[in-house]
């Protein structure tokens, strides 16, 4: 089903399946294979045509573009993982596929974004983002290796509305196939002015560090007194944006300059966009393979990354994460697992200690696993509840979606979730950056401040086209 597919044949096949599977009304899904086309090119074509969109791109794995909402739920308050599970079960139970799904990667997907903490109507937990956003996209473009699929979901009432849905997917298919010529028309409208933003960033960072150093000092005191084993404390900088945000260009630069990451976008609307390049997968599950990732311990790639393997402080920080992940597996009654050796992995400017934990299981309950895993010591601390209380006491802002889980679950139960770190949030002509550092026994104030600056700079210079921020 590529270029040579005829609309009349496609229409006939979908109508025939509809007659067999659907009485008259229902939630249906239609899929068509499309030629291999650059994912950034497709996103650039559609990003301004739809209010909501999401982007997920891995160099080795499944990637997607989601456009518009077919079914969705937004939650403020507790029970976010339980509500996500209910939404997932209900929609996959009702969704009727009208085309042959010959490849596992082409399956329907529901996408999810959680906040770092549940919104519990408490000033220490208050946030301007929901606890949960769960969306069955109307349009989904999926890439796996050199295979591409276009999928559309919708509620139909009889063949008349079904034909409208079929005509819509066919129109989008043709736009994708002809995207190169369509983009040439748009290219003349682009403004490629660079942003004189680095000085703004450095000034904001210097100002914020005056107060943030006291926060780090308190974190060091907490671990030195044995109140906590580890705490991750974050700083936030907000800068006024002077020109239009060229999101697709930023994504291209992130892919080129920050390999081994997953590029992500959650665009609520044109004035509220979360994006970045996360080095950290919380977990991924493709039956029967479950993989968890421990990522902690940081160094500039320009330094000797192997220093991390000899750093007692960084190894200690990393081991808290490994131990926590293993406990979460045991709580989920997964005892048959193995660990990789600790290695140093590079993600562009920054390198981290990384350990993978593998298991083979028949099935998992992704939202129960999420509930156990998040927030891990990699982004919170240990013990978890005590560290979380101190984070909400010491940090001067709600984390919102910073370091929160984002991911997908498909119709067969496969799933993948990352942590939304190493990114930014565009909000009402401002751009907001958040970065954190893990504090354990042996942490030094100046080094923690330098680590956070390194993380800020890694995303700043991809957004604002400066190769050498001071």
Protein backbone atom coordinates (compact mmCIF):
# COMPACT_ATOMS: atom_id res chain seq x y z
CA UNK A 1 0.00 0.00 0.00
CA UNK A 2 2.20 2.84 -1.22
CA UNK A 3 2.17 5.10 -4.27
CA UNK A 4 0.39 2.63 -6.54
CA UNK A 5 -2.66 2.21 -4.30
CA UNK A 6 -5.86 3.46 -5.93
CA UNK A 7 -8.48 5.34 -3.93
CA UNK A 8 -11.36 3.26 -5.32
CA UNK A 9 -9.70 0.01 -4.22
CA UNK A 10 -8.88 1.42 -0.78
CA UNK A 11 -12.44 2.69 -0.34
CA UNK A 12 -13.90 -0.66 -1.36
CA UNK A 13 -11.69 -2.61 1.06
CA UNK A 14 -12.48 -0.36 4.04
CA UNK A 15 -16.24 -0.44 3.32
CA UNK A 16 -16.12 -4.23 3.06
CA UNK A 17 -14.42 -4.56 6.46
CA UNK A 18 -16.82 -2.01 7.96
CA UNK A 19 -19.78 -4.18 6.86
CA UNK A 20 -18.24 -7.19 8.59
CA UNK A 21 -17.07 -5.57 11.83
CA UNK A 22 -19.34 -2.59 12.53
CA UNK A 23 -23.10 -2.58 12.89
CA UNK A 24 -23.48 1.06 11.94
CA UNK A 25 -21.81 3.27 14.56
CA UNK A 26 -18.47 3.00 16.26
CA UNK A 27 -14.95 4.20 16.96
CA UNK A 28 -12.87 3.10 13.99
CA UNK A 29 -9.24 3.19 12.91
CA UNK A 30 -7.94 3.18 9.33
CA UNK A 31 -4.31 2.68 8.36
CA UNK A 32 -2.43 2.97 5.07
CA UNK A 33 1.23 2.42 4.31
CA UNK A 34 3.01 5.43 2.82
CA UNK A 35 6.40 5.95 1.17
CA UNK A 36 9.50 6.57 3.27
CA UNK A 37 9.67 10.33 3.80
CA UNK A 38 11.70 12.47 6.23
CA UNK A 39 9.78 12.79 9.50
CA UNK A 40 10.86 16.39 10.04
CA UNK A 41 9.60 17.28 6.59
CA UNK A 42 6.18 15.86 7.38
CA UNK A 43 6.02 17.63 10.77
CA UNK A 44 6.98 20.95 9.21
CA UNK A 45 4.15 20.54 6.72
CA UNK A 46 1.48 19.91 9.37
CA UNK A 47 2.65 21.59 12.58
CA UNK A 48 0.77 24.84 11.97
CA UNK A 49 -2.35 23.20 10.53
CA UNK A 50 -3.43 21.57 13.80
CA UNK A 51 -3.71 23.06 17.28
CA UNK A 52 -2.49 19.93 19.05
CA UNK A 53 0.49 17.87 17.96
CA UNK A 54 3.07 15.58 19.49
CA UNK A 55 6.39 14.37 18.12
CA UNK A 56 8.53 11.43 19.21
CA UNK A 57 11.65 10.55 17.27
CA UNK A 58 14.30 7.97 18.03
CA UNK A 59 17.23 7.02 15.83
CA UNK A 60 16.75 3.38 16.78
CA UNK A 61 13.10 2.63 17.51
CA UNK A 62 9.57 3.67 16.71
CA UNK A 63 8.93 7.34 15.93
CA UNK A 64 5.63 9.15 15.41
CA UNK A 65 3.82 12.39 14.71
CA UNK A 66 0.39 12.78 16.34
CA UNK A 67 -2.04 15.44 15.11
CA UNK A 68 -5.35 16.55 16.62
CA UNK A 69 -7.37 14.68 19.26
CA UNK A 70 -9.89 11.94 18.59
CA UNK A 71 -10.50 10.94 22.22
CA UNK A 72 -8.82 12.48 25.24
CA UNK A 73 -8.93 12.96 28.99
CA UNK A 74 -7.30 15.69 31.07
CA UNK A 75 -7.03 15.27 34.83
CA UNK A 76 -6.13 17.58 37.70
CA UNK A 77 -5.67 15.78 40.97
CA UNK A 78 -4.93 12.26 42.22
CA UNK A 79 -5.35 8.81 40.64
CA UNK A 80 -3.65 9.88 37.40
CA UNK A 81 -2.15 6.45 36.68
CA UNK A 82 -5.44 4.71 37.46
CA UNK A 83 -7.34 7.13 35.19
CA UNK A 84 -4.76 6.58 32.44
CA UNK A 85 -5.25 2.82 32.73
CA UNK A 86 -9.04 3.18 32.51
CA UNK A 87 -8.77 5.48 29.47
CA UNK A 88 -6.37 3.07 27.78
CA UNK A 89 -8.54 0.00 28.38
CA UNK A 90 -11.81 1.66 27.35
CA UNK A 91 -10.54 3.09 24.08
CA UNK A 92 -8.64 0.04 22.90
CA UNK A 93 -11.66 -2.10 23.77
CA UNK A 94 -13.93 0.08 21.61
CA UNK A 95 -11.51 0.84 18.74
CA UNK A 96 -12.31 -1.19 15.61
CA UNK A 97 -9.53 -1.55 13.05
CA UNK A 98 -10.82 -1.49 9.48
CA UNK A 99 -7.50 -2.24 7.77
CA UNK A 100 -5.00 -5.07 8.01
CA UNK A 101 -2.23 -4.38 10.52
CA UNK A 102 0.54 -6.51 9.07
CA UNK A 103 3.38 -4.91 11.07
CA UNK A 104 3.47 -4.46 14.84
CA UNK A 105 4.81 -0.91 14.46
CA UNK A 106 1.67 0.17 12.59
CA UNK A 107 -0.62 -0.52 15.58
CA UNK A 108 -2.86 2.19 17.04
CA UNK A 109 -1.27 4.21 19.85
CA UNK A 110 -2.51 6.30 22.74
CA UNK A 111 -0.06 8.96 23.94
CA UNK A 112 0.41 10.24 27.48
CA UNK A 113 2.00 13.13 29.35
CA UNK A 114 2.02 13.31 33.14
CA UNK A 115 3.08 16.09 35.48
CA UNK A 116 6.02 15.54 37.82
CA UNK A 117 3.70 15.51 40.86
CA UNK A 118 -0.03 15.04 41.21
CA UNK A 119 -1.95 18.30 41.56
CA UNK A 120 -3.42 18.04 45.05
CA UNK A 121 -4.74 21.59 45.56
CA UNK A 122 -1.79 22.31 47.81
CA UNK A 123 0.37 25.38 47.24
CA UNK A 124 3.49 23.23 47.38
CA UNK A 125 2.14 20.98 44.62
CA UNK A 126 0.21 23.50 42.50
CA UNK A 127 1.02 23.52 38.80
CA UNK A 128 -0.24 25.15 35.63
CA UNK A 129 -0.23 21.81 33.78
CA UNK A 130 -2.62 18.87 34.29
CA UNK A 131 -1.66 15.80 36.28
CA UNK A 132 -2.49 13.74 33.21
CA UNK A 133 -3.08 14.30 29.52
CA UNK A 134 -4.09 11.15 27.62
CA UNK A 135 -4.88 11.32 23.91
CA UNK A 136 -5.98 8.95 21.20
CA UNK A 137 -4.77 11.02 18.23
CA UNK A 138 -7.01 11.61 15.26
CA UNK A 139 -4.04 11.38 12.91
CA UNK A 140 -0.92 9.32 13.54
CA UNK A 141 2.12 9.04 11.29
CA UNK A 142 4.39 6.20 12.41
CA UNK A 143 7.95 5.38 11.37
CA UNK A 144 9.84 2.16 12.08
CA UNK A 145 13.15 1.57 10.28
CA UNK A 146 12.33 2.43 6.67
CA UNK A 147 8.60 1.78 7.00
CA UNK A 148 5.94 4.50 7.30
CA UNK A 149 2.23 4.30 8.07
CA UNK A 150 -0.54 6.87 8.21
CA UNK A 151 -3.44 6.17 10.57
CA UNK A 152 -6.69 8.03 11.24
CA UNK A 153 -9.09 7.43 14.14
CA UNK A 154 -12.65 8.69 14.36
CA UNK A 155 -16.20 8.04 15.48
CA UNK A 156 -18.45 7.20 12.53
CA UNK A 157 -22.19 6.90 12.16
CA UNK A 158 -22.87 4.98 9.00
CA UNK A 159 -21.09 4.87 5.66
CA UNK A 160 -21.52 8.55 4.90
CA UNK A 161 -19.34 9.67 7.82
CA UNK A 162 -16.99 6.73 7.17
CA UNK A 163 -16.45 7.95 3.62
CA UNK A 164 -15.62 11.43 4.97
CA UNK A 165 -12.97 9.85 7.22
CA UNK A 166 -11.54 7.83 4.31
CA UNK A 167 -11.40 10.91 2.11
CA UNK A 168 -9.56 12.77 4.88
CA UNK A 169 -6.86 10.12 5.29
CA UNK A 170 -6.46 9.97 1.52
CA UNK A 171 -6.02 13.74 1.32
CA UNK A 172 -3.39 13.66 4.08
CA UNK A 173 -1.66 10.74 2.33
CA UNK A 174 -1.38 12.77 -0.86
CA UNK A 175 -0.10 15.80 1.05
CA UNK A 176 2.58 13.64 2.67
CA UNK A 177 3.62 12.14 -0.68
CA UNK A 178 3.85 15.63 -2.19
CA UNK A 179 5.30 17.25 0.95
CA UNK A 180 8.53 18.33 -0.71
CA UNK A 181 6.80 20.58 -3.22
CA UNK A 182 4.38 21.83 -0.53
CA UNK A 183 7.29 22.84 1.70
CA UNK A 184 8.97 24.81 -1.06
CA UNK A 185 5.98 27.15 -1.00
CA UNK A 186 6.35 27.58 2.78
CA UNK A 187 10.12 28.09 2.73
CA UNK A 188 9.82 31.57 1.26
CA UNK A 189 7.86 32.65 4.34
CA UNK A 190 10.46 31.53 6.90
CA UNK A 191 12.45 34.01 8.89
CA UNK A 192 15.96 32.77 9.63
CA UNK A 193 17.16 35.55 11.92
CA UNK A 194 19.50 34.39 14.69
CA UNK A 195 18.67 35.28 18.27
CA UNK A 196 21.03 37.40 20.42
CA UNK A 197 19.91 35.36 23.42
CA UNK A 198 23.07 33.97 25.01
CA UNK A 199 23.79 37.14 26.96
CA UNK A 200 20.19 37.13 28.22
CA UNK A 201 20.66 33.54 29.34
CA UNK A 202 23.95 34.20 31.13
CA UNK A 203 22.52 37.24 32.91
CA UNK A 204 19.42 35.29 34.01
CA UNK A 205 21.56 32.36 35.16
CA UNK A 206 23.85 34.60 37.21
CA UNK A 207 20.85 36.27 38.88
CA UNK A 208 19.08 32.99 39.64
CA UNK A 209 22.24 31.37 41.03
CA UNK A 210 22.40 33.93 43.86
CA UNK A 211 19.36 32.28 45.50
CA UNK A 212 19.85 28.80 44.04
CA UNK A 213 23.22 28.34 45.71
CA UNK A 214 21.42 28.48 49.05
CA UNK A 215 19.09 25.72 47.85
CA UNK A 216 22.04 23.51 46.86
CA UNK A 217 23.76 24.21 50.19
CA UNK A 218 20.63 23.06 52.01
CA UNK A 219 20.52 19.91 49.88
CA UNK A 220 24.13 19.13 50.76
CA UNK A 221 23.34 19.63 54.46
CA UNK A 222 20.42 17.20 54.22
CA UNK A 223 22.60 14.40 52.87
CA UNK A 224 25.55 15.15 55.16
CA UNK A 225 23.24 14.93 58.20
CA UNK A 226 21.81 11.62 56.95
CA UNK A 227 18.29 13.00 56.54
CA UNK A 228 18.38 11.98 52.86
CA UNK A 229 20.64 9.67 50.86
CA UNK A 230 20.11 11.68 47.69
CA UNK A 231 18.11 14.67 46.47
CA UNK A 232 17.81 16.14 42.99
CA UNK A 233 17.32 19.91 43.03
CA UNK A 234 16.43 21.95 39.96
CA UNK A 235 16.78 25.54 38.84
CA UNK A 236 14.55 27.35 36.34
CA UNK A 237 15.28 30.27 33.99
CA UNK A 238 12.72 32.17 31.93
CA UNK A 239 13.73 34.32 28.95
CA UNK A 240 11.63 36.56 26.73
CA UNK A 241 11.59 35.24 23.17
CA UNK A 242 12.42 37.88 20.60
CA UNK A 243 11.52 36.07 17.38
CA UNK A 244 9.31 33.21 16.26
CA UNK A 245 10.24 29.75 17.52
CA UNK A 246 11.40 27.50 14.65
CA UNK A 247 10.58 24.21 16.34
CA UNK A 248 11.33 21.86 13.43
CA UNK A 249 14.75 23.41 12.89
CA UNK A 250 15.49 22.95 16.60
CA UNK A 251 14.49 19.28 16.39
CA UNK A 252 16.84 18.76 13.45
CA UNK A 253 19.71 20.30 15.38
CA UNK A 254 18.93 18.19 18.44
CA UNK A 255 19.02 15.03 16.34
CA UNK A 256 22.35 16.00 14.78
CA UNK A 257 24.07 17.31 17.91
CA UNK A 258 22.56 15.16 20.66
CA UNK A 259 22.68 11.55 19.42
CA UNK A 260 21.28 8.67 21.48
CA UNK A 261 18.42 10.87 22.69
CA UNK A 262 14.69 10.79 21.98
CA UNK A 263 13.44 14.07 20.50
CA UNK A 264 10.02 14.94 21.89
CA UNK A 265 7.29 17.58 21.52
CA UNK A 266 3.96 18.11 23.27
CA UNK A 267 2.28 21.07 21.58
CA UNK A 268 -0.94 21.95 23.42
CA UNK A 269 -1.43 24.92 21.14
CA UNK A 270 0.67 27.54 19.36
CA UNK A 271 1.41 29.32 22.68
CA UNK A 272 2.24 26.32 24.89
CA UNK A 273 4.86 23.86 23.62
CA UNK A 274 7.01 21.43 25.60
CA UNK A 275 10.02 20.06 23.68
CA UNK A 276 13.52 18.67 24.04
CA UNK A 277 15.87 15.73 23.55
CA UNK A 278 15.72 13.30 26.46
CA UNK A 279 18.64 10.97 27.15
CA UNK A 280 16.58 8.96 29.65
CA UNK A 281 14.06 6.23 28.93
CA UNK A 282 12.08 5.27 32.00
CA UNK A 283 11.22 1.94 30.40
CA UNK A 284 10.32 0.35 27.09
CA UNK A 285 8.38 -2.85 26.45
CA UNK A 286 8.14 -4.70 23.15
CA UNK A 287 6.81 -8.17 23.89
CA UNK A 288 8.45 -10.00 25.55
CA UNK A 289 11.38 -7.62 26.14
CA UNK A 290 11.24 -5.13 29.03
CA UNK A 291 14.11 -2.66 29.42
CA UNK A 292 14.63 -0.19 32.26
CA UNK A 293 17.37 2.42 32.25
CA UNK A 294 19.41 3.84 35.10
CA UNK A 295 20.99 7.16 34.14
CA UNK A 296 22.82 9.24 36.74
CA UNK A 297 26.25 10.78 37.06
CA UNK A 298 27.17 13.62 34.71
CA UNK A 299 30.24 15.01 32.98
CA UNK A 300 31.00 17.19 29.98
CA UNK A 301 31.82 15.06 26.95
CA UNK A 302 34.72 17.46 26.32
CA UNK A 303 36.30 16.14 29.52
CA UNK A 304 37.49 12.57 29.89
CA UNK A 305 34.17 10.69 30.26
CA UNK A 306 35.92 7.74 31.91
CA UNK A 307 36.41 9.94 34.97
CA UNK A 308 32.81 9.07 35.79
CA UNK A 309 33.73 5.41 36.21
CA UNK A 310 36.31 6.42 38.83
CA UNK A 311 34.12 8.97 40.63
CA UNK A 312 32.84 7.60 43.95
CA UNK A 313 30.29 10.43 44.12
CA UNK A 314 28.83 9.72 40.66
CA UNK A 315 28.89 5.93 41.15
CA UNK A 316 27.05 6.37 44.45
CA UNK A 317 24.44 8.59 42.77
CA UNK A 318 24.05 6.04 39.96
CA UNK A 319 23.76 3.04 42.27
CA UNK A 320 20.80 4.56 44.13
CA UNK A 321 18.93 4.56 40.82
CA UNK A 322 19.87 0.95 39.99
CA UNK A 323 18.76 -0.30 43.42
CA UNK A 324 15.48 1.59 43.16
CA UNK A 325 14.67 0.19 39.70
CA UNK A 326 15.33 -3.34 40.86
CA UNK A 327 13.03 -2.84 43.87
CA UNK A 328 10.30 -1.58 41.52
CA UNK A 329 10.64 -4.71 39.40
CA UNK A 330 10.33 -6.88 42.50
CA UNK A 331 7.20 -4.99 43.58
CA UNK A 332 5.79 -5.77 40.13
CA UNK A 333 6.70 -9.44 40.73
CA UNK A 334 9.37 -9.38 38.02
CA UNK A 335 12.32 -11.28 39.47
CA UNK A 336 13.95 -12.70 36.34
CA UNK A 337 16.19 -9.86 35.15
CA UNK A 338 19.80 -9.08 34.32
CA UNK A 339 21.90 -5.93 34.37
CA UNK A 340 24.30 -4.61 31.81
CA UNK A 341 27.71 -3.39 32.87
CA UNK A 342 27.88 0.27 33.88
CA UNK A 343 29.17 2.31 30.96
CA UNK A 344 29.55 5.94 30.00
CA UNK A 345 27.18 7.00 27.23
CA UNK A 346 27.47 10.29 25.37
CA UNK A 347 24.44 12.44 24.51
CA UNK A 348 26.15 15.24 22.64
CA UNK A 349 27.78 17.73 25.04
CA UNK A 350 26.92 15.65 28.10
CA UNK A 351 27.85 12.11 29.12
CA UNK A 352 26.18 10.01 31.81
CA UNK A 353 26.71 6.75 33.60
CA UNK A 354 24.21 4.26 32.17
CA UNK A 355 23.06 0.80 33.22
CA UNK A 356 20.32 -1.15 31.45
CA UNK A 357 18.16 -3.72 33.20
CA UNK A 358 16.57 -6.38 31.01
CA UNK A 359 13.78 -8.86 31.59
CA UNK A 360 11.58 -11.11 29.47
CA UNK A 361 7.95 -11.05 30.55
CA UNK A 362 4.70 -12.13 28.95
CA UNK A 363 2.96 -8.86 29.69
CA UNK A 364 3.23 -5.75 31.85
CA UNK A 365 0.79 -3.25 33.28
CA UNK A 366 2.47 -0.04 32.10
CA UNK A 367 0.62 2.35 34.40
CA UNK A 368 1.26 0.26 37.49
CA UNK A 369 4.94 0.15 36.53
CA UNK A 370 4.91 3.92 36.02
CA UNK A 371 3.31 4.44 39.41
CA UNK A 372 6.12 2.46 41.04
CA UNK A 373 8.97 3.93 39.01
CA UNK A 374 8.13 7.62 39.05
CA UNK A 375 9.74 9.69 40.38
CA UNK A 376 12.95 7.68 40.50
CA UNK A 377 16.12 8.76 42.35
CA UNK A 378 17.45 9.99 38.99
CA UNK A 379 15.10 13.00 39.12
CA UNK A 380 13.86 13.04 42.74
CA UNK A 381 16.05 11.45 45.37
CA UNK A 382 16.07 8.71 47.98
CA UNK A 383 14.09 7.89 50.08
CA UNK A 384 11.54 9.00 47.51
CA UNK A 385 8.74 10.45 49.64
CA UNK A 386 11.08 12.36 51.94
CA UNK A 387 13.06 13.72 48.98
CA UNK A 388 9.86 14.77 47.24
CA UNK A 389 8.74 16.69 50.34
CA UNK A 390 12.05 18.54 50.48
CA UNK A 391 11.94 19.34 46.75
CA UNK A 392 8.55 20.97 47.20
CA UNK A 393 9.90 22.88 50.18
CA UNK A 394 13.17 24.08 48.63
CA UNK A 395 12.37 24.72 44.98
CA UNK A 396 10.69 28.05 44.28
CA UNK A 397 8.55 26.78 41.39
CA UNK A 398 6.26 23.83 40.60
CA UNK A 399 8.06 21.41 38.30
CA UNK A 400 5.05 20.96 36.04
CA UNK A 401 6.12 18.65 33.21
CA UNK A 402 9.83 18.90 33.96
CA UNK A 403 11.26 15.38 34.54
CA UNK A 404 7.78 13.85 34.13
CA UNK A 405 6.85 10.72 32.15
CA UNK A 406 5.81 11.05 28.50
CA UNK A 407 5.14 8.07 26.27
CA UNK A 408 2.80 5.75 24.43
CA UNK A 409 0.95 2.45 24.69
CA UNK A 410 -0.14 0.53 21.59
CA UNK A 411 -3.11 -1.72 20.93
CA UNK A 412 -1.10 -4.84 21.77
CA UNK A 413 0.20 -3.58 25.12
CA UNK A 414 3.68 -2.55 23.98
CA UNK A 415 4.79 0.74 25.50
CA UNK A 416 7.61 3.21 25.93
CA UNK A 417 8.06 6.14 28.34
CA UNK A 418 10.81 8.72 28.68
CA UNK A 419 11.49 11.50 31.16
CA UNK A 420 10.99 15.03 29.83
CA UNK A 421 14.40 16.40 30.71
CA UNK A 422 16.97 18.29 28.65
CA UNK A 423 14.29 20.50 27.13
CA UNK A 424 12.29 23.68 27.40
CA UNK A 425 8.76 25.02 27.48
CA UNK A 426 7.61 27.79 25.16
CA UNK A 427 4.82 29.71 26.86
CA UNK A 428 3.23 32.98 25.76
CA UNK A 429 6.33 34.37 23.99
CA UNK A 430 8.65 33.27 26.81
CA UNK A 431 10.87 30.25 26.92
CA UNK A 432 11.41 28.38 30.17
CA UNK A 433 14.39 26.13 30.93
CA UNK A 434 14.71 23.74 33.88
CA UNK A 435 17.69 21.61 34.85
CA UNK A 436 18.65 19.70 37.97
CA UNK A 437 21.55 18.02 39.70
CA UNK A 438 21.73 15.02 42.01
CA UNK A 439 23.20 15.64 45.46
CA UNK A 440 24.72 12.81 47.51
CA UNK A 441 27.39 12.56 50.18
CA UNK A 442 30.53 14.10 48.68
CA UNK A 443 28.72 16.64 46.50
CA UNK A 444 30.45 20.03 46.13
CA UNK A 445 28.44 23.23 45.68
CA UNK A 446 30.45 24.67 42.78
CA UNK A 447 30.42 21.39 40.85
CA UNK A 448 26.63 21.05 41.19
CA UNK A 449 26.16 24.62 39.91
CA UNK A 450 28.50 23.92 36.98
CA UNK A 451 26.60 20.72 36.14
CA UNK A 452 23.29 22.55 35.93
CA UNK A 453 24.87 25.26 33.76
CA UNK A 454 26.19 22.54 31.43
CA UNK A 455 22.69 21.08 31.11
CA UNK A 456 21.16 24.51 30.44
CA UNK A 457 23.74 25.27 27.77
CA UNK A 458 23.22 21.92 26.03
CA UNK A 459 19.66 22.92 25.07
CA UNK A 460 20.14 26.71 24.88
CA UNK A 461 22.66 26.56 22.07
CA UNK A 462 20.51 24.18 20.01
CA UNK A 463 17.58 26.58 20.20
CA UNK A 464 19.35 29.85 19.65
CA UNK A 465 21.92 28.89 17.05
CA UNK A 466 24.99 29.80 19.04
CA UNK A 467 27.82 27.31 18.62
CA UNK A 468 29.92 28.57 21.51
CA UNK A 469 27.96 29.97 24.46
CA UNK A 470 30.40 31.51 26.94
